[in-house]
N, C-alpha and C. Protein backbone atom coordinates (compact mmCIF):
# COMPACT_ATOMS: atom_id res chain seq x y z
N UNK A 1 0.84 -1.18 0.00
CA UNK A 1 0.00 0.00 0.00
C UNK A 1 0.89 1.25 0.00
N UNK A 2 0.54 2.18 -0.86
CA UNK A 2 1.32 3.41 -0.97
C UNK A 2 0.94 4.40 0.13
N UNK A 3 1.94 5.11 0.63
CA UNK A 3 1.72 6.16 1.62
C UNK A 3 1.97 7.50 0.94
N UNK A 4 0.94 8.33 0.85
CA UNK A 4 1.06 9.61 0.17
C UNK A 4 1.29 10.73 1.18
N UNK A 5 2.21 11.64 0.84
CA UNK A 5 2.48 12.80 1.68
C UNK A 5 2.38 14.05 0.81
N UNK A 6 2.05 15.17 1.44
CA UNK A 6 1.92 16.41 0.69
C UNK A 6 3.31 16.86 0.25
N UNK A 7 3.42 17.13 -1.07
CA UNK A 7 4.68 17.59 -1.63
C UNK A 7 4.70 19.10 -1.79
N UNK A 8 3.56 19.67 -2.20
CA UNK A 8 3.43 21.11 -2.39
C UNK A 8 1.99 21.41 -2.75
N UNK A 9 1.70 22.68 -2.94
CA UNK A 9 0.39 23.09 -3.44
C UNK A 9 0.42 23.07 -4.96
N UNK A 10 -0.65 22.64 -5.57
CA UNK A 10 -0.74 22.61 -7.02
C UNK A 10 -0.49 24.00 -7.60
N UNK A 11 -0.96 25.01 -6.90
CA UNK A 11 -0.80 26.39 -7.37
C UNK A 11 0.66 26.85 -7.39
N UNK A 12 1.56 26.11 -6.71
CA UNK A 12 2.98 26.44 -6.71
C UNK A 12 3.70 25.96 -7.97
N UNK A 13 3.06 25.06 -8.73
CA UNK A 13 3.72 24.49 -9.90
C UNK A 13 3.41 25.31 -11.15
N UNK A 14 4.47 25.66 -11.87
CA UNK A 14 4.33 26.36 -13.14
C UNK A 14 4.48 25.34 -14.27
N UNK A 15 3.72 25.54 -15.33
CA UNK A 15 3.75 24.62 -16.47
C UNK A 15 5.17 24.45 -16.99
N UNK A 16 5.58 23.19 -17.15
CA UNK A 16 6.88 22.81 -17.72
C UNK A 16 8.09 23.36 -16.95
N UNK A 17 7.89 23.66 -15.66
CA UNK A 17 8.98 24.15 -14.81
C UNK A 17 9.14 23.21 -13.62
N UNK A 18 10.21 22.41 -13.57
CA UNK A 18 10.40 21.46 -12.48
C UNK A 18 10.53 22.17 -11.12
N UNK A 19 10.00 21.51 -10.09
CA UNK A 19 10.13 22.00 -8.71
C UNK A 19 10.73 20.87 -7.88
N UNK A 20 11.85 21.16 -7.22
CA UNK A 20 12.51 20.15 -6.38
C UNK A 20 11.92 20.19 -4.98
N UNK A 21 11.59 19.00 -4.47
CA UNK A 21 11.16 18.84 -3.08
C UNK A 21 11.88 17.62 -2.51
N UNK A 22 11.90 17.53 -1.21
CA UNK A 22 12.45 16.34 -0.56
C UNK A 22 11.37 15.73 0.29
N UNK A 23 11.08 14.44 0.05
CA UNK A 23 10.03 13.73 0.76
C UNK A 23 10.62 12.51 1.44
N UNK A 24 10.53 12.44 2.73
CA UNK A 24 11.09 11.32 3.50
C UNK A 24 12.54 11.06 3.11
N UNK A 25 13.32 12.12 2.90
CA UNK A 25 14.73 11.99 2.56
C UNK A 25 15.00 11.69 1.09
N UNK A 26 13.94 11.65 0.28
CA UNK A 26 14.09 11.33 -1.14
C UNK A 26 13.94 12.60 -1.98
N UNK A 27 14.93 12.94 -2.81
CA UNK A 27 14.81 14.12 -3.68
C UNK A 27 13.87 13.80 -4.85
N UNK A 28 12.88 14.67 -5.03
CA UNK A 28 11.86 14.45 -6.06
C UNK A 28 11.72 15.73 -6.89
N UNK A 29 11.57 15.55 -8.19
CA UNK A 29 11.27 16.66 -9.08
C UNK A 29 9.80 16.54 -9.48
N UNK A 30 9.04 17.60 -9.20
CA UNK A 30 7.62 17.64 -9.58
C UNK A 30 7.50 18.47 -10.85
N UNK A 31 6.71 17.96 -11.80
CA UNK A 31 6.54 18.66 -13.07
C UNK A 31 5.07 18.63 -13.46
N UNK A 32 4.54 19.83 -13.73
CA UNK A 32 3.19 19.94 -14.29
C UNK A 32 3.35 20.18 -15.78
N UNK A 33 2.84 19.24 -16.57
CA UNK A 33 2.94 19.35 -18.03
C UNK A 33 1.83 18.53 -18.67
N UNK A 34 1.38 18.96 -19.81
CA UNK A 34 0.37 18.24 -20.58
C UNK A 34 -0.86 17.88 -19.75
N UNK A 35 -1.23 18.77 -18.82
CA UNK A 35 -2.43 18.57 -18.03
C UNK A 35 -2.30 17.60 -16.87
N UNK A 36 -1.10 17.15 -16.59
CA UNK A 36 -0.87 16.21 -15.49
C UNK A 36 0.28 16.68 -14.63
N UNK A 37 0.39 16.09 -13.43
CA UNK A 37 1.53 16.34 -12.55
C UNK A 37 2.29 15.02 -12.41
N UNK A 38 3.59 15.11 -12.61
CA UNK A 38 4.46 13.93 -12.52
C UNK A 38 5.48 14.13 -11.40
N UNK A 39 5.89 13.01 -10.79
CA UNK A 39 6.93 13.02 -9.77
C UNK A 39 7.99 12.01 -10.20
N UNK A 40 9.22 12.49 -10.33
CA UNK A 40 10.33 11.66 -10.79
C UNK A 40 11.51 11.90 -9.85
N UNK A 41 12.30 10.86 -9.64
CA UNK A 41 13.49 10.99 -8.79
C UNK A 41 14.34 12.13 -9.33
N UNK A 42 14.82 12.99 -8.45
CA UNK A 42 15.47 14.22 -8.89
C UNK A 42 16.95 14.06 -9.23
N UNK A 43 17.49 12.86 -9.12
CA UNK A 43 18.92 12.68 -9.39
C UNK A 43 19.11 11.85 -10.66
N UNK A 44 19.85 12.40 -11.60
CA UNK A 44 20.14 11.73 -12.86
C UNK A 44 20.87 10.41 -12.60
N UNK A 45 20.48 9.36 -13.30
CA UNK A 45 21.11 8.05 -13.10
C UNK A 45 22.50 7.98 -13.74
N UNK A 46 22.85 8.96 -14.52
CA UNK A 46 24.17 8.97 -15.16
C UNK A 46 25.20 9.79 -14.39
N UNK A 47 24.81 11.02 -13.98
CA UNK A 47 25.83 11.94 -13.47
C UNK A 47 25.58 12.45 -12.06
N UNK A 48 24.56 11.95 -11.39
CA UNK A 48 24.31 12.32 -9.99
C UNK A 48 24.12 13.83 -9.81
N UNK A 49 23.36 14.46 -10.73
CA UNK A 49 23.02 15.88 -10.61
C UNK A 49 21.49 16.02 -10.61
N UNK A 50 21.02 17.17 -10.17
CA UNK A 50 19.59 17.42 -10.01
C UNK A 50 18.90 17.58 -11.37
N UNK A 51 17.90 16.75 -11.61
CA UNK A 51 17.11 16.86 -12.83
C UNK A 51 16.21 18.09 -12.83
N UNK A 52 15.85 18.57 -11.65
CA UNK A 52 14.92 19.71 -11.57
C UNK A 52 15.56 21.00 -12.10
N UNK A 53 16.85 20.97 -12.35
CA UNK A 53 17.52 22.13 -12.94
C UNK A 53 17.50 22.08 -14.47
N UNK A 54 16.89 21.01 -15.02
CA UNK A 54 16.85 20.83 -16.46
C UNK A 54 15.58 21.37 -17.09
N UNK A 55 15.47 21.17 -18.40
CA UNK A 55 14.33 21.64 -19.18
C UNK A 55 13.30 20.52 -19.34
N UNK A 56 12.02 20.92 -19.51
CA UNK A 56 10.94 19.97 -19.74
C UNK A 56 10.37 20.23 -21.14
N UNK A 57 10.24 19.13 -21.90
CA UNK A 57 9.64 19.22 -23.23
C UNK A 57 9.13 17.84 -23.63
N UNK A 58 7.94 17.80 -24.23
CA UNK A 58 7.35 16.55 -24.73
C UNK A 58 7.30 15.47 -23.66
N UNK A 59 6.89 15.83 -22.46
CA UNK A 59 6.74 14.91 -21.32
C UNK A 59 8.06 14.23 -20.95
N UNK A 60 9.16 14.96 -21.15
CA UNK A 60 10.48 14.49 -20.75
C UNK A 60 11.19 15.60 -19.99
N UNK A 61 12.06 15.18 -19.08
CA UNK A 61 12.91 16.13 -18.37
C UNK A 61 14.35 15.84 -18.78
N UNK A 62 15.06 16.90 -19.14
CA UNK A 62 16.42 16.74 -19.64
C UNK A 62 17.43 17.13 -18.56
N UNK A 63 18.43 16.29 -18.38
CA UNK A 63 19.51 16.59 -17.45
C UNK A 63 20.36 17.71 -18.06
N UNK A 64 20.57 18.74 -17.28
CA UNK A 64 21.29 19.93 -17.76
C UNK A 64 22.76 19.67 -18.03
N UNK A 65 23.34 18.64 -17.41
CA UNK A 65 24.78 18.45 -17.51
C UNK A 65 25.22 17.78 -18.81
N UNK A 66 24.60 16.65 -19.14
CA UNK A 66 25.02 15.91 -20.33
C UNK A 66 23.90 15.70 -21.35
N UNK A 67 22.70 16.17 -21.05
CA UNK A 67 21.62 16.13 -22.03
C UNK A 67 20.77 14.88 -22.09
N UNK A 68 20.96 13.93 -21.18
CA UNK A 68 20.07 12.78 -21.16
C UNK A 68 18.66 13.25 -20.79
N UNK A 69 17.67 12.69 -21.47
CA UNK A 69 16.29 13.03 -21.16
C UNK A 69 15.59 11.79 -20.63
N UNK A 70 14.69 12.01 -19.65
CA UNK A 70 13.96 10.92 -19.01
C UNK A 70 12.47 11.14 -19.18
N UNK A 71 11.75 10.08 -19.55
CA UNK A 71 10.30 10.13 -19.69
C UNK A 71 9.68 10.34 -18.31
N UNK A 72 8.85 11.37 -18.18
CA UNK A 72 8.22 11.66 -16.88
C UNK A 72 7.23 10.58 -16.46
N UNK A 73 6.71 9.81 -17.41
CA UNK A 73 5.73 8.75 -17.09
C UNK A 73 6.40 7.46 -16.63
N UNK A 74 7.59 7.15 -17.21
CA UNK A 74 8.22 5.86 -16.95
C UNK A 74 9.58 5.95 -16.28
N UNK A 75 10.25 7.10 -16.40
CA UNK A 75 11.60 7.27 -15.87
C UNK A 75 12.67 6.75 -16.80
N UNK A 76 12.29 6.18 -17.96
CA UNK A 76 13.27 5.62 -18.88
C UNK A 76 14.01 6.72 -19.63
N UNK A 77 15.33 6.54 -19.79
CA UNK A 77 16.09 7.52 -20.57
C UNK A 77 15.79 7.35 -22.06
N UNK A 78 15.79 8.46 -22.79
CA UNK A 78 15.52 8.38 -24.22
C UNK A 78 16.79 8.38 -25.04
N UNK A 79 17.93 8.53 -24.39
CA UNK A 79 19.19 8.50 -25.13
C UNK A 79 20.38 8.61 -24.21
N UNK A 80 21.53 8.39 -24.79
CA UNK A 80 22.79 8.42 -24.04
C UNK A 80 23.10 9.84 -23.57
N UNK A 81 23.91 10.00 -22.55
CA UNK A 81 24.73 8.96 -21.95
C UNK A 81 24.02 8.12 -20.88
N UNK A 82 22.84 8.51 -20.41
CA UNK A 82 22.15 7.70 -19.40
C UNK A 82 21.63 6.41 -20.02
N UNK A 83 21.78 5.32 -19.29
CA UNK A 83 21.27 4.03 -19.76
C UNK A 83 20.30 3.41 -18.75
N UNK A 84 20.32 3.91 -17.52
CA UNK A 84 19.44 3.38 -16.46
C UNK A 84 18.29 4.34 -16.20
N UNK A 85 17.08 3.79 -16.01
CA UNK A 85 15.94 4.66 -15.68
C UNK A 85 16.07 5.22 -14.27
N UNK A 86 15.29 6.25 -13.99
CA UNK A 86 15.18 6.78 -12.64
C UNK A 86 13.76 6.48 -12.16
N UNK A 87 13.56 6.32 -10.85
CA UNK A 87 12.22 6.01 -10.34
C UNK A 87 11.22 7.13 -10.60
N UNK A 88 9.99 6.74 -10.86
CA UNK A 88 8.87 7.67 -10.90
C UNK A 88 7.95 7.29 -9.75
N UNK A 89 7.20 8.27 -9.25
CA UNK A 89 6.39 8.06 -8.06
C UNK A 89 4.93 8.40 -8.35
N UNK A 90 4.01 7.66 -7.72
CA UNK A 90 2.58 7.94 -7.90
C UNK A 90 2.22 9.32 -7.33
N UNK A 91 1.32 10.00 -8.03
CA UNK A 91 0.86 11.34 -7.64
C UNK A 91 -0.66 11.32 -7.51
N UNK A 92 -1.16 12.00 -6.49
CA UNK A 92 -2.59 12.25 -6.33
C UNK A 92 -2.78 13.73 -6.11
N UNK A 93 -3.87 14.27 -6.66
CA UNK A 93 -4.23 15.66 -6.45
C UNK A 93 -5.49 15.69 -5.61
N UNK A 94 -5.45 16.38 -4.47
CA UNK A 94 -6.62 16.54 -3.60
C UNK A 94 -6.79 18.03 -3.36
N UNK A 95 -7.77 18.62 -4.04
CA UNK A 95 -7.95 20.06 -3.93
C UNK A 95 -6.74 20.75 -4.53
N UNK A 96 -6.04 21.56 -3.71
CA UNK A 96 -4.82 22.24 -4.18
C UNK A 96 -3.56 21.52 -3.69
N UNK A 97 -3.71 20.33 -3.11
CA UNK A 97 -2.57 19.59 -2.59
C UNK A 97 -2.06 18.57 -3.60
N UNK A 98 -0.75 18.57 -3.81
CA UNK A 98 -0.10 17.55 -4.61
C UNK A 98 0.48 16.54 -3.63
N UNK A 99 -0.02 15.31 -3.69
CA UNK A 99 0.44 14.25 -2.81
C UNK A 99 1.26 13.24 -3.62
N UNK A 100 2.37 12.80 -3.04
CA UNK A 100 3.28 11.89 -3.71
C UNK A 100 3.62 10.74 -2.76
N UNK A 101 3.75 9.55 -3.32
CA UNK A 101 4.17 8.40 -2.53
C UNK A 101 5.57 7.97 -2.96
N UNK A 102 6.53 8.10 -2.05
CA UNK A 102 7.89 7.66 -2.34
C UNK A 102 8.24 6.39 -1.58
N UNK A 103 7.31 5.93 -0.73
CA UNK A 103 7.54 4.71 0.04
C UNK A 103 6.37 3.76 -0.14
N UNK A 104 6.65 2.51 0.11
CA UNK A 104 5.61 1.48 0.06
C UNK A 104 5.59 0.78 1.40
N UNK A 105 4.38 0.62 1.93
CA UNK A 105 4.23 -0.16 3.16
C UNK A 105 3.80 -1.56 2.79
N UNK A 106 4.30 -2.55 3.52
CA UNK A 106 3.95 -3.94 3.23
C UNK A 106 2.58 -4.27 3.75
């Protein structure tokens, strides 16, 4: 069962502009794009830098350092140099609250 915690207010998110938050010690990049809100691990699997400092386009977030882009829905990289996906997290919207689950309870 997923445990959801408040990450931010929906009104704090700007279209196609990543917002970095930390939830239960986990760095998360929140992105509002294409009518949805996505939560993806904020650290690039290739270079250990913050993805929230990158650009968002076509439901992908691009790492600013080497240009790897990750699908916001799946976390899969779309090209080199990254070869490993990054985790994506379930999101729920309740009123103006963006809730994200970064942990699973047994």
